[in-house]
Amino acid sequence: MERPDLAPYAARSSQSRGRLYPEQRKDDRPAFERDRDRIIHCAAFRRLEYKTQVFVNHEGDYYRTRLTHSLEVAQIGRGIARRLNLNEDLVEALALAHDLGHTPFGHTGEEVLGRLMKNHGGFEHNRQSLRIVEVLEERYPDFDGLNLSWETREGIIKHSSNYQLSGEPSLVEYHPGEAPCIEAQLIDLADEIAYNNHDIDDGLQAGYISLGELSEIALWREAWEIVADKFPRLSESRHIYQTISHLIGLLIGDLVETTGSTISQCGIRTIEDVRRMDCSLVSFSSRIQNQNQELKNFLRSRLYRHYKVERMRVKAERILVFLFEAFERNPNLLARPVQEKFSRHGMQRVICDYIAGMTDRYAFDEYRRLFEPYEPV
């Protein structure tokens, strides 16, 4: 049963364009709820626990991973969807799936594989997420992948994109140039709200950024002062946590208000109206957009390019390049079940899939097994 108060332009399981393969259902869960459950139980989702967000897994137990980040995106996304009367099940499914295709070592891994696969079809994490749910997961007797609803798969491939999909023939079924449903559109900014705020938390915890530096950022300063007025005797650590909480609430509130106003002004009545739009309906107000960009610029220069983050990035690049080139030169280094996929997908693509699916920890271990003489193979 779906919520009876869904907006007329919300996505509905009952109106889904369906799954690639027909299935006999075990129960009467709505289609998007079933998609969410399949994503949660797949192997790629579990591996996110040991994949880098900013800090590599062994650098500390406090820091976010791709898994905890995905959970935070889902929580923020559901809150937005509820206030806009959108389909929360679809939002949660998309939030939990949006990083399935990420490599070990965060964006460094994506950049390295993109370079190594330049002449073999390329690599991009949204396409890899789609590949995981359509091809790579092996859980069901009659098909590869998770056999998710069309709307969920569309939302995965159109995440953080202009919906053009580079004109790639294999993606024609996802209607390049057509906007996805609002549930898919909001994932981009829910993702942004989550990573901006938890990267502040992790950066402060690591000592890579300071409160003094953050005080120069308008969004942070506004939220900090709100907390100071409400709780004048709060300890510094609690003040930080409450500021992050208030900042998330401020961003969500602005997004909901701005998006609701945009939907009304554009005369959106149906999901077809949504799909005909040539731009996203989900946005911040211009004031918050500018202030949020200031925060993003700060994190890029002070945290993501911190010299310790850069040192780890160089190590990660070296590990992934060595692994890929070693497997490419000598495919017999790979286990037999991996080699057996060459005939179907091509050697380089299989190597890419294998490396992209690694956790940070597994990549480190595989590197040691191959290149350190006294390490057991």
Protein backbone atom coordinates (compact mmCIF):
# COMPACT_ATOMS: atom_id res chain seq x y z
CA MET A 1 0.00 0.00 0.00
CA GLU A 2 1.38 3.41 -0.98
CA ARG A 3 0.78 6.59 0.97
CA PRO A 4 -2.66 8.01 0.15
CA ASP A 5 -1.42 11.60 0.35
CA LEU A 6 1.18 11.47 -2.42
CA ALA A 7 1.31 14.59 -4.56
CA PRO A 8 -0.29 14.18 -8.01
CA TYR A 9 3.18 14.53 -9.62
CA ALA A 10 4.85 11.98 -7.30
CA ALA A 11 6.13 8.66 -8.63
CA ARG A 12 3.89 5.69 -7.85
CA SER A 13 4.79 2.02 -7.80
CA SER A 14 1.44 1.23 -9.39
CA GLN A 15 2.42 3.33 -12.42
CA SER A 16 5.97 2.02 -12.77
CA ARG A 17 7.22 1.15 -16.23
CA GLY A 18 8.11 -2.22 -14.76
CA ARG A 19 11.10 -4.53 -14.50
CA LEU A 20 13.27 -5.98 -17.22
CA TYR A 21 12.39 -9.56 -16.30
CA PRO A 22 8.94 -10.80 -15.23
CA GLU A 23 8.84 -12.23 -11.73
CA GLN A 24 6.41 -14.11 -9.54
CA ARG A 25 5.97 -12.00 -6.39
CA LYS A 26 6.30 -13.47 -2.91
CA ASP A 27 4.30 -10.69 -1.26
CA ASP A 28 2.45 -7.45 -1.99
CA ARG A 29 5.15 -4.86 -1.23
CA PRO A 30 5.06 -1.80 -3.55
CA ALA A 31 7.64 -1.95 -6.33
CA PHE A 32 9.89 0.80 -4.97
CA GLU A 33 9.89 -0.68 -1.47
CA ARG A 34 10.97 -3.98 -3.00
CA ASP A 35 13.77 -2.17 -4.86
CA ARG A 36 15.00 -0.59 -1.63
CA ASP A 37 15.09 -3.97 0.11
CA ARG A 38 17.01 -5.61 -2.72
CA ILE A 39 19.61 -2.84 -2.65
CA ILE A 40 20.09 -3.15 1.12
CA HIS A 41 20.69 -6.90 0.85
CA CYS A 42 23.07 -6.85 -2.13
CA ALA A 43 26.82 -7.45 -1.79
CA ALA A 44 27.80 -4.10 -3.31
CA PHE A 45 25.86 -2.24 -0.62
CA ARG A 46 27.61 -4.11 2.19
CA ARG A 47 31.03 -3.34 0.68
CA LEU A 48 30.34 0.39 1.05
CA GLU A 49 31.19 -0.05 4.75
CA TYR A 50 34.88 -0.22 3.83
CA LYS A 51 35.00 2.27 0.96
CA THR A 52 36.45 5.76 1.39
CA GLN A 53 34.36 8.88 1.70
CA VAL A 54 37.22 11.30 2.49
CA PHE A 55 39.26 9.35 5.03
CA VAL A 56 40.52 5.86 4.18
CA ASN A 57 39.11 3.14 6.40
CA HIS A 58 42.21 2.48 8.47
CA GLU A 59 42.60 6.16 9.40
CA GLY A 60 40.01 5.94 12.17
CA ASP A 61 36.71 4.39 13.22
CA TYR A 62 34.94 7.73 13.61
CA TYR A 63 35.02 8.89 10.02
CA ARG A 64 32.23 8.39 7.51
CA THR A 65 32.42 5.66 4.90
CA ARG A 66 30.39 5.31 1.71
CA LEU A 67 27.91 3.22 3.71
CA THR A 68 27.29 5.70 6.52
CA HIS A 69 27.18 8.49 3.94
CA SER A 70 24.50 6.61 1.99
CA LEU A 71 22.45 6.15 5.17
CA GLU A 72 22.68 9.88 5.89
CA VAL A 73 21.57 10.71 2.33
CA ALA A 74 18.62 8.36 2.76
CA GLN A 75 17.62 10.01 6.04
CA ILE A 76 17.82 13.50 4.56
CA GLY A 77 16.10 12.42 1.35
CA ARG A 78 13.19 10.83 3.18
CA GLY A 79 12.71 13.97 5.25
CA ILE A 80 12.54 16.12 2.12
CA ALA A 81 10.22 13.66 0.36
CA ARG A 82 7.83 13.52 3.30
CA ARG A 83 7.49 17.30 3.42
CA LEU A 84 6.87 17.49 -0.33
CA ASN A 85 4.50 14.48 -0.35
CA LEU A 86 6.78 12.51 -2.66
CA ASN A 87 7.40 8.76 -2.74
CA GLU A 88 9.71 8.05 0.19
CA ASP A 89 10.36 4.44 -0.82
CA LEU A 90 11.76 5.49 -4.19
CA VAL A 91 13.82 8.26 -2.60
CA GLU A 92 15.29 5.84 -0.09
CA ALA A 93 16.06 3.25 -2.76
CA LEU A 94 17.87 5.84 -4.87
CA ALA A 95 19.76 7.27 -1.89
CA LEU A 96 21.01 3.85 -0.84
CA ALA A 97 21.99 2.95 -4.42
CA HIS A 98 23.56 6.21 -5.55
CA ASP A 99 27.13 5.23 -4.57
CA LEU A 100 27.04 1.48 -5.27
CA GLY A 101 29.42 1.94 -8.20
CA HIS A 102 32.05 3.91 -6.32
CA THR A 103 35.55 2.47 -6.30
CA PRO A 104 37.91 2.01 -3.37
CA PHE A 105 39.64 5.25 -2.31
CA GLY A 106 36.79 7.57 -3.27
CA HIS A 107 36.99 9.85 -6.29
CA THR A 108 40.67 9.02 -6.74
CA GLY A 109 39.66 5.49 -7.68
CA GLU A 110 37.11 6.76 -10.17
CA GLU A 111 39.65 9.06 -11.80
CA VAL A 112 42.25 6.30 -12.05
CA LEU A 113 39.87 3.74 -13.56
CA GLY A 114 38.51 6.37 -15.92
CA ARG A 115 42.03 6.96 -17.21
CA LEU A 116 42.93 3.27 -17.43
CA MET A 117 39.66 2.41 -19.20
CA LYS A 118 39.79 5.35 -21.63
CA ASN A 119 40.21 3.06 -24.64
CA HIS A 120 37.93 0.34 -23.32
CA GLY A 121 34.59 2.06 -22.78
CA GLY A 122 35.57 4.36 -19.93
CA PHE A 123 34.49 4.33 -16.31
CA GLU A 124 32.02 6.52 -14.41
CA HIS A 125 30.50 5.62 -11.07
CA ASN A 126 26.84 6.17 -12.05
CA ARG A 127 27.25 3.80 -14.98
CA GLN A 128 28.99 1.35 -12.67
CA SER A 129 26.12 1.58 -10.18
CA LEU A 130 23.71 0.77 -13.00
CA ARG A 131 25.97 -2.07 -14.15
CA ILE A 132 25.93 -3.53 -10.65
CA VAL A 133 22.13 -3.60 -10.39
CA GLU A 134 21.66 -4.79 -13.98
CA VAL A 135 24.55 -7.22 -14.49
CA LEU A 136 27.06 -7.82 -11.72
CA GLU A 137 24.96 -8.88 -8.73
CA GLU A 138 24.35 -12.65 -8.90
CA ARG A 139 21.54 -13.52 -6.50
CA TYR A 140 18.52 -14.71 -8.46
CA PRO A 141 17.89 -17.93 -10.43
CA ASP A 142 16.50 -16.43 -13.65
CA PHE A 143 18.49 -13.24 -14.24
CA ASP A 144 21.64 -11.30 -13.44
CA GLY A 145 21.43 -8.10 -11.42
CA LEU A 146 18.66 -7.07 -9.06
CA ASN A 147 15.90 -6.56 -11.65
CA LEU A 148 14.93 -3.19 -10.20
CA SER A 149 12.05 -1.04 -11.41
CA TRP A 150 12.71 1.16 -14.44
CA GLU A 151 12.31 4.35 -12.39
CA THR A 152 14.95 3.25 -9.88
CA ARG A 153 17.41 2.35 -12.62
CA GLU A 154 16.70 5.65 -14.39
CA GLY A 155 17.33 7.58 -11.18
CA ILE A 156 20.65 5.79 -10.70
CA ILE A 157 22.01 6.62 -14.15
CA LYS A 158 20.75 10.22 -14.11
CA HIS A 159 22.14 11.06 -10.67
CA SER A 160 24.10 14.36 -10.71
CA SER A 161 23.82 14.68 -14.47
CA ASN A 162 22.17 16.89 -17.07
CA TYR A 163 20.23 13.81 -18.25
CA GLN A 164 21.93 13.75 -21.66
CA LEU A 165 23.88 10.57 -20.87
CA SER A 166 26.43 11.38 -23.62
CA GLY A 167 24.21 9.83 -26.28
CA GLU A 168 25.43 6.36 -25.36
CA PRO A 169 23.34 3.80 -27.33
CA SER A 170 23.09 1.36 -24.42
CA LEU A 171 21.33 4.05 -22.36
CA VAL A 172 18.66 4.99 -24.90
CA GLU A 173 16.02 3.12 -22.90
CA TYR A 174 16.45 5.70 -20.11
CA HIS A 175 15.29 8.53 -22.39
CA PRO A 176 18.33 10.84 -22.56
CA GLY A 177 17.27 14.46 -22.40
CA GLU A 178 14.13 13.68 -20.41
CA ALA A 179 14.10 14.77 -16.78
CA PRO A 180 13.64 12.02 -14.18
CA CYS A 181 10.93 12.15 -11.53
CA ILE A 182 11.30 14.65 -8.68
CA GLU A 183 12.26 11.84 -6.31
CA ALA A 184 15.37 11.22 -8.41
CA GLN A 185 16.09 14.93 -8.79
CA LEU A 186 16.23 15.58 -5.05
CA ILE A 187 18.89 12.92 -4.43
CA ASP A 188 21.59 15.21 -5.84
CA LEU A 189 21.03 17.92 -3.23
CA ALA A 190 20.31 15.45 -0.41
CA ASP A 191 23.71 13.97 -1.26
CA GLU A 192 25.27 17.44 -1.16
CA ILE A 193 23.69 18.35 2.17
CA ALA A 194 24.94 15.09 3.65
CA TYR A 195 28.53 15.21 2.46
CA ASN A 196 29.09 18.91 3.13
CA ASN A 197 27.99 18.58 6.72
CA HIS A 198 29.59 15.26 7.60
CA ASP A 199 32.82 16.34 5.92
CA ILE A 200 32.83 19.36 8.25
CA ASP A 201 32.40 17.01 11.20
CA ASP A 202 35.11 14.60 10.02
CA GLY A 203 37.47 17.43 9.05
CA LEU A 204 37.17 19.04 12.48
CA GLN A 205 37.64 15.68 14.20
CA ALA A 206 40.80 15.04 12.17
CA GLY A 207 42.13 18.53 12.81
CA TYR A 208 42.39 19.28 9.07
CA ILE A 209 40.08 22.32 9.39
CA SER A 210 39.43 24.58 12.37
CA LEU A 211 36.53 26.49 13.90
CA GLY A 212 38.40 29.71 13.21
CA GLU A 213 38.49 28.94 9.50
CA LEU A 214 34.84 27.90 9.48
CA SER A 215 33.78 31.14 11.16
CA GLU A 216 34.61 32.89 7.89
CA ILE A 217 31.86 30.90 6.12
CA ALA A 218 28.45 32.60 6.22
CA LEU A 219 26.33 29.45 6.41
CA TRP A 220 28.35 28.02 9.27
CA ARG A 221 28.47 31.33 11.11
CA GLU A 222 24.67 31.72 10.88
CA ALA A 223 24.01 28.24 12.27
CA TRP A 224 26.69 28.66 14.97
CA GLU A 225 25.08 31.88 16.19
CA ILE A 226 21.61 30.30 16.30
CA VAL A 227 22.95 27.57 18.57
CA ALA A 228 24.84 30.11 20.71
CA ASP A 229 21.61 32.06 21.29
CA LYS A 230 19.65 28.92 22.21
CA PHE A 231 22.35 27.27 24.34
CA PRO A 232 24.75 29.96 25.62
CA ARG A 233 26.66 27.64 27.98
CA LEU A 234 27.10 24.69 25.66
CA SER A 235 30.50 22.97 25.53
CA GLU A 236 32.45 23.36 22.29
CA SER A 237 32.00 19.76 21.15
CA ARG A 238 28.23 19.86 21.69
CA HIS A 239 28.08 23.26 20.05
CA ILE A 240 29.71 21.77 16.94
CA TYR A 241 27.25 18.87 16.76
CA GLN A 242 24.27 21.17 17.25
CA THR A 243 25.56 23.60 14.64
CA ILE A 244 25.84 20.79 12.09
CA SER A 245 22.31 19.66 12.99
CA HIS A 246 20.93 23.20 12.62
CA LEU A 247 22.80 23.67 9.35
CA ILE A 248 21.26 20.51 7.89
CA GLY A 249 17.83 21.68 9.02
CA LEU A 250 18.39 25.13 7.52
CA LEU A 251 19.37 23.65 4.14
CA ILE A 252 16.48 21.17 4.09
CA GLY A 253 13.98 23.87 5.01
CA ASP A 254 15.21 26.18 2.25
CA LEU A 255 15.21 23.39 -0.33
CA VAL A 256 11.66 22.31 0.54
CA GLU A 257 10.31 25.86 0.44
CA THR A 258 12.10 26.77 -2.80
CA THR A 259 11.21 23.50 -4.54
CA GLY A 260 7.56 23.71 -3.49
CA SER A 261 7.38 27.25 -4.84
CA THR A 262 9.04 26.23 -8.12
CA ILE A 263 6.63 23.33 -8.60
CA SER A 264 3.71 25.69 -8.10
CA GLN A 265 5.08 28.43 -10.36
CA CYS A 266 5.79 25.95 -13.17
CA GLY A 267 2.25 24.60 -12.98
CA ILE A 268 3.39 21.03 -12.33
CA ARG A 269 0.35 18.75 -12.05
CA THR A 270 1.53 15.35 -13.22
CA ILE A 271 4.72 13.33 -13.49
CA GLU A 272 4.59 13.95 -17.25
CA ASP A 273 4.85 17.67 -16.51
CA VAL A 274 7.97 16.93 -14.46
CA ARG A 275 9.58 14.96 -17.27
CA ARG A 276 8.97 17.71 -19.82
CA MET A 277 10.97 20.27 -17.82
CA ASP A 278 14.41 21.12 -19.20
CA CYS A 279 15.91 21.79 -15.76
CA SER A 280 15.69 20.38 -12.25
CA LEU A 281 12.72 21.45 -10.14
CA VAL A 282 14.69 20.85 -6.95
CA SER A 283 16.93 23.67 -5.79
CA PHE A 284 17.99 26.01 -3.02
CA SER A 285 17.07 29.68 -2.99
CA SER A 286 19.64 31.92 -4.68
CA ARG A 287 20.91 33.17 -1.31
CA ILE A 288 21.44 29.69 0.10
CA GLN A 289 22.83 28.44 -3.20
CA ASN A 290 25.54 31.13 -3.10
CA GLN A 291 26.34 30.49 0.55
CA ASN A 292 26.40 26.74 0.01
CA GLN A 293 28.84 27.21 -2.88
CA GLU A 294 31.08 29.20 -0.55
CA LEU A 295 31.06 26.26 1.87
CA LYS A 296 31.84 23.80 -0.93
CA ASN A 297 34.74 25.93 -2.12
CA PHE A 298 36.08 26.08 1.43
CA LEU A 299 35.94 22.30 1.84
CA ARG A 300 37.58 21.76 -1.53
CA SER A 301 40.54 24.00 -0.76
CA ARG A 302 41.00 23.34 2.97
CA LEU A 303 39.94 19.68 3.38
CA TYR A 304 39.94 17.76 0.11
CA ARG A 305 43.30 19.27 -0.88
CA HIS A 306 44.86 19.04 2.57
CA TYR A 307 48.37 17.69 2.24
CA LYS A 308 47.56 14.53 4.23
CA VAL A 309 44.55 13.79 2.01
CA GLU A 310 46.80 14.37 -1.02
CA ARG A 311 49.42 11.95 0.33
CA MET A 312 46.79 9.25 0.72
CA ARG A 313 45.48 10.01 -2.76
CA VAL A 314 48.95 9.41 -4.25
CA LYS A 315 49.24 6.07 -2.43
CA ALA A 316 45.77 5.02 -3.60
CA GLU A 317 46.54 5.91 -7.22
CA ARG A 318 49.74 3.88 -7.14
CA ILE A 319 47.95 0.83 -5.72
CA LEU A 320 45.12 0.87 -8.28
CA VAL A 321 47.39 1.46 -11.27
CA PHE A 322 49.72 -1.35 -10.21
CA LEU A 323 46.80 -3.75 -9.71
CA PHE A 324 45.17 -2.98 -13.04
CA GLU A 325 48.38 -3.18 -15.04
CA ALA A 326 49.48 -6.38 -13.33
CA PHE A 327 46.16 -8.11 -14.09
CA GLU A 328 46.19 -6.80 -17.66
CA ARG A 329 49.74 -8.08 -18.29
CA ASN A 330 49.06 -11.43 -16.66
CA PRO A 331 45.35 -12.32 -16.41
CA ASN A 332 46.30 -15.62 -14.78
CA LEU A 333 46.85 -13.67 -11.57
CA LEU A 334 43.06 -13.54 -11.31
CA ALA A 335 40.99 -16.37 -9.89
CA ARG A 336 39.39 -18.73 -12.41
CA PRO A 337 35.78 -17.49 -11.87
CA VAL A 338 36.94 -13.96 -12.71
CA GLN A 339 38.79 -15.09 -15.85
CA GLU A 340 35.72 -16.98 -17.05
CA LYS A 341 33.90 -13.67 -17.48
CA PHE A 342 36.39 -12.39 -20.09
CA SER A 343 34.55 -13.96 -23.02
CA ARG A 344 31.31 -12.23 -22.10
CA HIS A 345 32.46 -8.77 -20.99
CA GLY A 346 36.03 -8.37 -22.25
CA MET A 347 39.23 -8.64 -20.22
CA GLN A 348 39.69 -4.97 -19.35
CA ARG A 349 36.06 -4.51 -18.33
CA VAL A 350 36.21 -7.56 -16.06
CA ILE A 351 39.42 -6.29 -14.46
CA CYS A 352 37.77 -2.90 -14.00
CA ASP A 353 34.69 -4.50 -12.40
CA TYR A 354 36.93 -6.53 -10.10
CA ILE A 355 38.94 -3.52 -8.92
CA ALA A 356 35.91 -1.19 -8.67
CA GLY A 357 34.21 -3.72 -6.42
CA MET A 358 37.11 -3.84 -3.97
CA THR A 359 36.96 -2.19 -0.58
CA ASP A 360 39.89 -0.04 0.52
CA ARG A 361 41.06 -2.83 2.78
CA TYR A 362 40.84 -5.51 0.10
CA ALA A 363 42.76 -3.33 -2.37
CA PHE A 364 45.56 -2.87 0.18
CA ASP A 365 45.64 -6.62 0.84
CA GLU A 366 45.63 -7.53 -2.86
CA TYR A 367 48.49 -5.11 -3.49
CA ARG A 368 50.53 -6.68 -0.69
CA ARG A 369 49.78 -10.21 -1.93
CA LEU A 370 51.03 -9.34 -5.40
CA PHE A 371 54.01 -7.09 -4.69
CA GLU A 372 55.42 -7.88 -1.24
CA PRO A 373 57.67 -10.98 -1.41
CA TYR A 374 56.97 -12.28 2.10
CA GLU A 375 53.21 -11.73 2.03
CA PRO A 376 51.17 -14.97 1.62
CA VAL A 377 49.44 -15.12 -1.78
